[in-house]
Protein backbone atom coordinates (compact mmCIF):
# COMPACT_ATOMS: atom_id res chain seq x y z
CA MET A 1 -60.81 86.17 56.06
CA CYS A 2 -63.12 88.43 58.14
CA GLY A 3 -63.60 92.03 57.07
CA ARG A 4 -67.38 92.88 58.56
CA THR A 5 -68.93 91.60 61.74
CA SER A 6 -72.01 92.39 63.72
CA CYS A 7 -71.89 93.66 67.64
CA HIS A 8 -75.32 95.93 68.41
CA LEU A 9 -76.06 94.53 71.73
CA PRO A 10 -76.42 96.97 74.56
CA ARG A 11 -73.70 97.16 77.02
CA ASP A 12 -75.35 95.37 79.56
CA VAL A 13 -76.64 92.39 77.67
CA LEU A 14 -73.44 92.03 75.97
CA THR A 15 -71.51 91.58 79.74
CA ARG A 16 -74.13 89.18 80.68
CA ALA A 17 -73.29 87.19 77.28
CA CYS A 18 -69.80 87.21 78.39
CA ALA A 19 -70.24 85.43 82.14
CA TYR A 20 -67.82 83.20 82.88
CA ARG A 21 -66.03 81.11 86.18
CA ASN A 22 -62.93 82.42 87.76
CA ARG A 23 -60.13 79.96 88.62
CA GLN A 24 -62.02 79.44 91.95
CA GLY A 25 -64.94 78.22 90.04
CA GLU A 26 -66.94 81.61 91.09
CA ARG A 27 -69.40 82.78 88.90
CA ARG A 28 -68.17 86.50 87.37
CA LEU A 29 -69.08 89.26 84.83
CA PRO A 30 -66.35 90.85 82.92
CA GLU A 31 -65.75 94.47 83.92
CA TRP A 32 -65.48 97.34 81.03
CA ARG A 33 -62.49 99.82 80.35
CA ASP A 34 -63.47 102.87 78.55
CA ALA A 35 -66.94 101.68 78.22
CA ASP A 36 -67.83 105.02 76.63
CA LYS A 37 -66.16 104.19 73.32
CA TYR A 38 -68.26 100.88 72.63
CA CYS A 39 -70.69 102.09 69.84
CA PRO A 40 -73.27 98.97 69.20
CA SER A 41 -73.62 98.52 65.40
CA TYR A 42 -75.08 95.68 62.88
CA ASN A 43 -72.44 96.36 60.40
CA LYS A 44 -68.57 97.05 61.71
CA SER A 45 -65.87 97.53 59.46
CA PRO A 46 -62.15 97.65 59.67
CA ARG A 47 -60.91 100.96 61.84
CA SER A 48 -64.02 100.97 63.80
CA SER A 49 -64.12 100.05 67.49
CA SER A 50 -65.27 96.48 68.90
CA PRO A 51 -65.51 94.77 71.91
CA VAL A 52 -62.74 92.74 73.11
CA LEU A 53 -62.25 90.29 75.71
CA LEU A 54 -59.33 89.73 77.65
CA SER A 55 -57.41 89.03 80.96
CA ARG A 56 -57.53 91.61 83.48
CA LEU A 57 -53.75 90.94 84.20
CA HIS A 58 -52.74 93.01 81.03
CA PHE A 59 -54.36 96.04 82.62
CA GLU A 60 -53.64 95.48 86.77
CA LYS A 61 -50.10 93.78 87.54
CA GLY A 62 -50.65 91.43 90.10
CA THR A 63 -54.19 90.10 89.72
CA ASP A 64 -55.49 86.52 88.55
CA SER A 65 -55.01 86.19 84.75
CA SER A 66 -58.07 84.19 84.99
CA GLU A 67 -60.25 87.16 85.49
CA ARG A 68 -61.44 89.30 82.49
CA ILE A 69 -62.16 92.74 81.13
CA ILE A 70 -64.12 94.05 78.14
CA VAL A 71 -62.08 96.75 76.39
CA PRO A 72 -63.80 98.57 73.12
CA MET A 73 -60.30 98.42 70.80
CA ARG A 74 -59.68 99.42 67.07
CA TRP A 75 -60.21 96.77 64.61
CA GLY A 76 -57.03 96.79 62.45
CA LEU A 77 -53.75 96.21 64.47
CA VAL A 78 -51.00 98.80 64.73
CA PRO A 79 -47.89 97.11 65.93
CA SER A 80 -46.12 98.70 69.21
CA TRP A 81 -42.94 99.12 67.06
CA PHE A 82 -44.53 101.34 64.24
CA LYS A 83 -42.47 104.53 64.23
CA GLU A 84 -45.19 107.42 63.24
CA ASN A 85 -47.36 109.87 64.88
CA ASP A 86 -50.51 108.58 62.75
CA PRO A 87 -51.38 105.14 62.51
CA SER A 88 -53.61 105.88 59.19
CA LYS A 89 -50.14 105.78 57.80
CA LEU A 90 -49.29 102.23 58.65
CA PRO A 91 -48.38 100.97 54.64
CA PHE A 92 -50.51 97.60 55.27
CA ASN A 93 -53.56 96.45 56.45
CA ILE A 94 -53.59 94.24 59.47
CA THR A 95 -57.03 93.38 59.85
CA ASN A 96 -56.98 89.67 59.70
CA CYS A 97 -53.72 87.34 60.48
CA ARG A 98 -53.07 83.88 58.90
CA SER A 99 -52.65 81.05 61.53
CA ASP A 100 -50.02 79.59 59.38
CA THR A 101 -47.59 82.29 59.05
CA ILE A 102 -48.36 83.77 62.59
CA MET A 103 -44.91 82.81 64.34
CA GLU A 104 -43.14 84.13 61.09
CA LYS A 105 -44.16 88.02 61.34
CA ARG A 106 -42.97 90.63 63.48
CA SER A 107 -46.20 92.32 63.71
CA PHE A 108 -47.65 88.94 65.66
CA ASN A 109 -45.06 86.90 67.01
CA VAL A 110 -44.06 89.97 69.20
CA PRO A 111 -47.41 90.61 71.17
CA LEU A 112 -47.82 86.70 71.17
CA GLY A 113 -44.64 86.75 72.91
CA LYS A 114 -46.20 88.88 75.45
CA GLY A 115 -49.19 87.11 76.00
CA ARG A 116 -51.42 89.58 74.16
CA ARG A 117 -54.25 87.29 73.12
CA CYS A 118 -57.81 88.48 73.04
CA VAL A 119 -61.01 87.13 72.08
CA VAL A 120 -63.31 89.44 69.64
CA LEU A 121 -67.18 89.58 70.48
CA ALA A 122 -69.47 89.59 68.02
CA ASP A 123 -73.21 88.39 67.37
CA GLY A 124 -71.38 87.07 63.79
CA PHE A 125 -69.51 87.96 60.84
CA TYR A 126 -70.27 88.52 57.17
CA GLU A 127 -68.73 86.96 54.36
CA TRP A 128 -69.12 87.13 50.25
CA LYS A 129 -69.84 84.12 47.95
CA ARG A 130 -68.89 84.74 44.50
CA CYS A 131 -71.70 84.00 42.01
CA ARG A 132 -70.88 81.50 39.28
CA GLY A 133 -70.39 83.28 35.76
CA THR A 134 -70.62 86.87 37.42
CA TYR A 135 -68.91 89.53 39.24
CA ASP A 136 -71.87 89.95 41.94
CA ARG A 137 -71.30 88.39 45.33
CA GLN A 138 -73.84 87.45 47.55
CA PRO A 139 -73.38 88.43 51.20
CA TYR A 140 -74.01 85.81 54.27
CA PHE A 141 -74.49 86.16 57.73
CA ILE A 142 -72.07 83.57 59.94
CA TYR A 143 -72.79 82.85 63.65
CA PHE A 144 -72.95 80.01 66.44
CA PRO A 145 -76.19 78.14 66.12
CA GLN A 146 -78.44 79.61 68.42
CA THR A 147 -80.63 77.51 71.50
CA LYS A 148 -84.45 78.24 71.44
CA SER A 149 -86.16 79.69 74.01
CA GLU A 150 -89.29 81.22 74.98
CA LYS A 151 -87.59 84.33 75.26
CA LEU A 152 -86.69 84.52 71.82
CA GLY A 153 -90.61 84.58 70.46
CA SER A 154 -92.13 86.89 73.17
CA ILE A 155 -91.24 89.76 71.40
CA GLY A 156 -94.07 92.39 70.07
CA ALA A 157 -93.54 94.94 67.48
CA ALA A 158 -91.73 97.35 69.55
CA ASP A 159 -88.16 99.27 69.33
CA SER A 160 -87.91 99.82 73.04
CA PRO A 161 -84.38 98.68 74.79
CA GLU A 162 -85.91 96.72 77.37
CA ASP A 163 -87.74 95.10 73.94
CA TRP A 164 -84.08 94.07 72.76
CA ASN A 165 -83.13 92.83 75.73
CA LYS A 166 -85.50 90.02 75.86
CA VAL A 167 -84.77 88.95 72.58
CA TRP A 168 -81.01 88.89 72.59
CA ASP A 169 -80.63 87.86 76.45
CA ASN A 170 -79.93 84.14 74.89
CA TRP A 171 -77.92 85.15 72.05
CA ARG A 172 -74.57 83.42 72.10
CA LEU A 173 -71.96 85.67 71.02
CA LEU A 174 -69.51 84.51 68.45
CA THR A 175 -66.20 84.03 70.13
CA MET A 176 -63.25 84.66 67.75
CA ALA A 177 -59.43 84.13 68.89
CA GLY A 178 -57.39 87.57 67.98
CA ILE A 179 -53.96 89.20 69.04
CA PHE A 180 -53.74 93.10 70.50
CA ASP A 181 -51.29 95.52 70.79
CA CYS A 182 -50.64 98.77 72.38
CA TRP A 183 -49.02 101.69 70.29
CA GLU A 184 -47.99 104.65 71.67
CA PRO A 185 -47.39 108.11 69.47
CA LEU A 186 -44.08 108.94 69.08
CA GLN A 187 -44.66 112.39 70.69
CA GLY A 188 -46.63 111.20 73.20
CA GLY A 189 -50.27 110.97 73.93
CA ASP A 190 -53.29 108.63 74.37
CA HIS A 191 -52.10 104.86 73.73
CA LEU A 192 -54.27 103.27 70.87
CA TYR A 193 -55.22 98.94 71.80
CA SER A 194 -55.67 97.59 68.19
CA TYR A 195 -56.28 93.94 67.49
CA THR A 196 -56.39 91.68 64.19
CA ILE A 197 -58.47 88.54 64.01
CA ILE A 198 -56.47 85.18 63.02
CA THR A 199 -57.95 83.12 60.42
CA VAL A 200 -57.66 79.46 59.20
CA ASP A 201 -58.71 77.42 56.65
CA ALA A 202 -62.59 77.29 56.15
CA CYS A 203 -64.57 74.34 57.56
CA LYS A 204 -66.40 72.02 55.05
CA VAL A 205 -69.85 73.93 55.65
CA LEU A 206 -68.33 77.22 54.83
CA ASN A 207 -66.08 75.89 52.12
CA ASP A 208 -68.61 77.01 49.43
CA VAL A 209 -68.65 80.81 50.63
CA HIS A 210 -65.09 81.52 51.42
CA GLN A 211 -61.68 79.67 51.59
CA ARG A 212 -60.97 81.18 55.20
CA MET A 213 -62.76 81.76 58.19
CA PRO A 214 -62.09 83.40 61.51
CA ALA A 215 -60.67 81.11 64.24
CA ILE A 216 -63.45 80.49 66.30
CA LEU A 217 -62.92 79.20 70.06
CA ASP A 218 -66.05 77.14 70.68
CA GLY A 219 -66.95 76.55 74.55
CA GLU A 220 -65.79 78.44 77.51
CA GLU A 221 -62.62 76.14 77.88
CA ALA A 222 -61.41 77.10 74.61
CA VAL A 223 -62.18 80.69 75.51
CA SER A 224 -60.36 80.65 78.72
CA LYS A 225 -57.20 79.09 77.79
CA TRP A 226 -56.79 81.29 75.17
CA LEU A 227 -57.23 84.13 77.67
CA ASP A 228 -55.04 82.75 80.77
CA PHE A 229 -51.67 84.08 79.00
CA GLY A 230 -50.40 83.43 83.14
CA GLU A 231 -51.15 79.63 83.16
CA VAL A 232 -51.42 78.71 79.53
CA SER A 233 -48.51 78.99 77.37
CA THR A 234 -48.24 79.95 73.40
CA GLN A 235 -47.29 76.91 72.03
CA GLU A 236 -50.55 75.37 74.04
CA ALA A 237 -52.85 78.33 73.30
CA LEU A 238 -51.90 77.64 69.57
CA LYS A 239 -53.32 74.43 69.63
CA LEU A 240 -56.84 75.59 69.91
CA ILE A 241 -56.48 77.96 66.20
CA HIS A 242 -58.46 75.75 64.03
CA PRO A 243 -61.42 75.63 61.82
CA THR A 244 -64.77 74.45 63.59
CA GLU A 245 -67.78 72.86 62.00
CA ASN A 246 -70.30 74.24 64.72
CA ILE A 247 -71.21 77.12 62.83
CA THR A 248 -74.25 78.38 60.50
CA PHE A 249 -75.48 80.79 58.37
CA HIS A 250 -77.90 82.78 56.03
CA PRO A 251 -78.13 85.03 53.38
CA VAL A 252 -78.57 88.50 53.50
CA SER A 253 -79.67 91.57 51.52
CA SER A 254 -77.05 93.58 49.57
CA VAL A 255 -77.56 96.38 52.27
CA VAL A 256 -74.76 95.09 54.11
CA ASN A 257 -72.16 95.81 51.10
CA SER A 258 -71.67 99.31 52.36
CA SER A 259 -70.49 99.66 55.90
CA ARG A 260 -72.59 103.16 56.18
CA ASN A 261 -75.74 101.00 56.36
CA ASP A 262 -76.48 100.03 60.21
CA SER A 263 -79.99 98.44 60.56
CA VAL A 264 -81.23 95.00 61.33
CA GLU A 265 -81.84 94.48 57.76
CA CYS A 266 -77.75 93.99 57.30
CA LEU A 267 -78.45 90.63 59.07
CA ALA A 268 -82.01 89.51 58.36
CA PRO A 269 -82.23 86.61 56.38
CA ILE A 270 -83.56 86.73 52.71
CA ASP A 271 -84.84 83.98 50.22
CA LEU A 272 -82.71 83.71 47.45
CA SER A 273 -85.45 81.62 45.37
CA VAL A 274 -87.21 85.14 45.02
CA GLN A 275 -86.20 86.89 42.08
CA LYS A 276 -83.66 89.48 42.63
CA GLU A 277 -84.97 92.85 42.52
CA LEU A 278 -84.11 94.69 39.21
CA LYS A 279 -81.94 98.32 39.99
CA ALA A 280 -81.41 101.00 38.20
CA LYS A 281 -77.44 101.90 38.05
CA GLY A 282 -75.46 104.94 37.68
CA CYS A 283 -76.06 105.24 34.04
CA SER A 284 -79.98 104.17 34.69
CA GLN A 285 -80.44 107.20 37.04
CA LYS A 286 -79.09 109.52 34.94
CA MET A 287 -81.49 108.56 32.13
CA LEU A 288 -84.12 108.68 34.40
CA GLN A 289 -83.47 112.48 35.59
CA TRP A 290 -83.18 113.50 31.84
CA LEU A 291 -86.19 112.03 31.28
CA ALA A 292 -88.00 113.41 33.92
CA THR A 293 -86.69 117.11 33.51
CA LYS A 294 -86.44 116.97 29.54
CA SER A 295 -84.54 119.14 27.66
CA PRO A 296 -86.10 122.93 27.74
CA LYS A 297 -85.24 123.27 23.92
CA LYS A 298 -87.78 120.26 22.99
CA GLU A 299 -90.19 121.16 25.56
CA ASP A 300 -93.63 121.76 25.10
CA PRO A 301 -94.59 124.64 27.15
CA LYS A 302 -98.42 123.35 26.79
CA THR A 303 -97.43 119.65 27.85
CA PRO A 304 -97.08 119.29 31.73
CA GLN A 305 -94.03 118.37 32.39
CA LYS A 306 -93.31 115.06 34.18
CA THR A 307 -91.64 114.47 37.04
CA GLU A 308 -89.54 112.01 38.48
CA SER A 309 -91.98 110.33 40.62
CA ASP A 310 -93.98 110.11 37.54
CA VAL A 311 -91.52 108.39 35.82
CA ARG A 312 -90.60 106.14 38.85
CA GLN A 313 -94.27 104.48 38.74
CA PHE A 314 -93.43 102.48 35.72
CA LEU A 315 -90.25 100.87 37.45
CA PRO A 316 -90.64 97.81 39.69
CA LYS A 317 -91.54 98.46 43.30
CA SER A 318 -88.95 97.64 45.68
CA PRO A 319 -90.09 95.05 48.98
CA SER A 320 -87.84 96.65 50.95
CA SER A 321 -89.90 99.97 50.38
CA VAL A 322 -92.32 99.19 52.79
CA LYS A 323 -91.10 100.02 56.48
CA ARG A 324 -91.29 97.66 59.19
CA SER A 325 -89.66 98.14 62.75
CA SER A 326 -86.34 96.05 63.55
CA ALA A 327 -87.91 94.30 66.03
CA VAL A 328 -90.75 92.77 63.74
CA LEU A 329 -87.93 91.64 61.14
CA LEU A 330 -86.13 89.79 64.11
CA GLU A 331 -89.23 88.35 65.51
CA GLN A 332 -90.56 86.71 61.59
CA TRP A 333 -86.75 85.35 61.56
CA LEU A 334 -86.50 83.52 64.74
CA LYS A 335 -90.19 82.35 64.41
CA GLN A 336 -89.09 81.44 60.52
CA GLU A 337 -86.37 79.06 62.03
CA LYS A 338 -88.82 77.33 64.07
CA GLU A 339 -90.78 76.45 61.31
CA GLU A 340 -88.72 75.94 58.38
CA GLU A 341 -85.20 73.91 57.70
CA PRO A 342 -82.24 76.07 58.14
CA VAL A 343 -81.11 78.18 55.10
CA THR A 344 -77.63 76.23 55.54
CA LYS A 345 -78.74 73.08 53.92
CA GLN A 346 -80.13 74.52 50.90
CA LEU A 347 -76.99 76.39 49.73
CA HIS A 348 -75.13 73.13 48.17
CA SER A 349 -78.56 72.43 46.24
CA GLU A 350 -78.41 76.07 44.66
């Protein structure tokens, strides 16, 4: 399945990453619709807005179906036939769509019949692997293998938009097959465009992490055929929906577990061989507070009261307490990829 993604690129960088050739072979950049609704994030969850690539013909009748636009859409399909005024009242979650039942369910075969195929854009997606013998889950960031370039290693310790553009200009976006639909409130109002991500059985490389994965369109030809509903039938397009082995991944911090966290730390790689930090759970936190404040009945007025900071000095310090700029983290990650074996190969040996 796919329940969390990252798409943090600035709008202009994202646009350049989606460059394509139309039916006449002309090099083009997709135009945006409702560009102000795009909110970059390292940690996108369902019901948030994400950029989606689709044929211009869906919005402008009579245009070439090979022309593309980018539209921010709500993640979590709201079917056009849903008869309520509030989309949050939809009684089921349509974040993902299984490829094996795609033609059996009304929520999917109706928009497919209208050619409403789209490509969901992301840096990559997150998946959680269950740790053996425990209820813990280790998150991983999954993405296309990246082509190394001089730009990727030329970034300094700065956080300006110009620096980020240099780092990510050559990043290959993950292109996931999706279905979108348009819902209109019964009492009138703005139309709501939403999408779902098609999922397939996991490839061999990812099977140890999770049994399902997004249907990834690997290459410009696959993306073009999926989007061009004017020339490519539904039956032909569905032949593109299958697992791909052209994928890589690495473990990341549990910071990504909460969708409220939105920083480069969500996707920065970690070393699983390093002993995990001991964390105080809810009950431990209450005990710390009690120890820090004491009970007024037992307190000796002559004894100075210890503060919570005095108690915390005996706890192990977290490496994450040292603040580093996001650009520095990214530079170390990219340099490490050149010097060491991919973390992917280490997963099966653990």
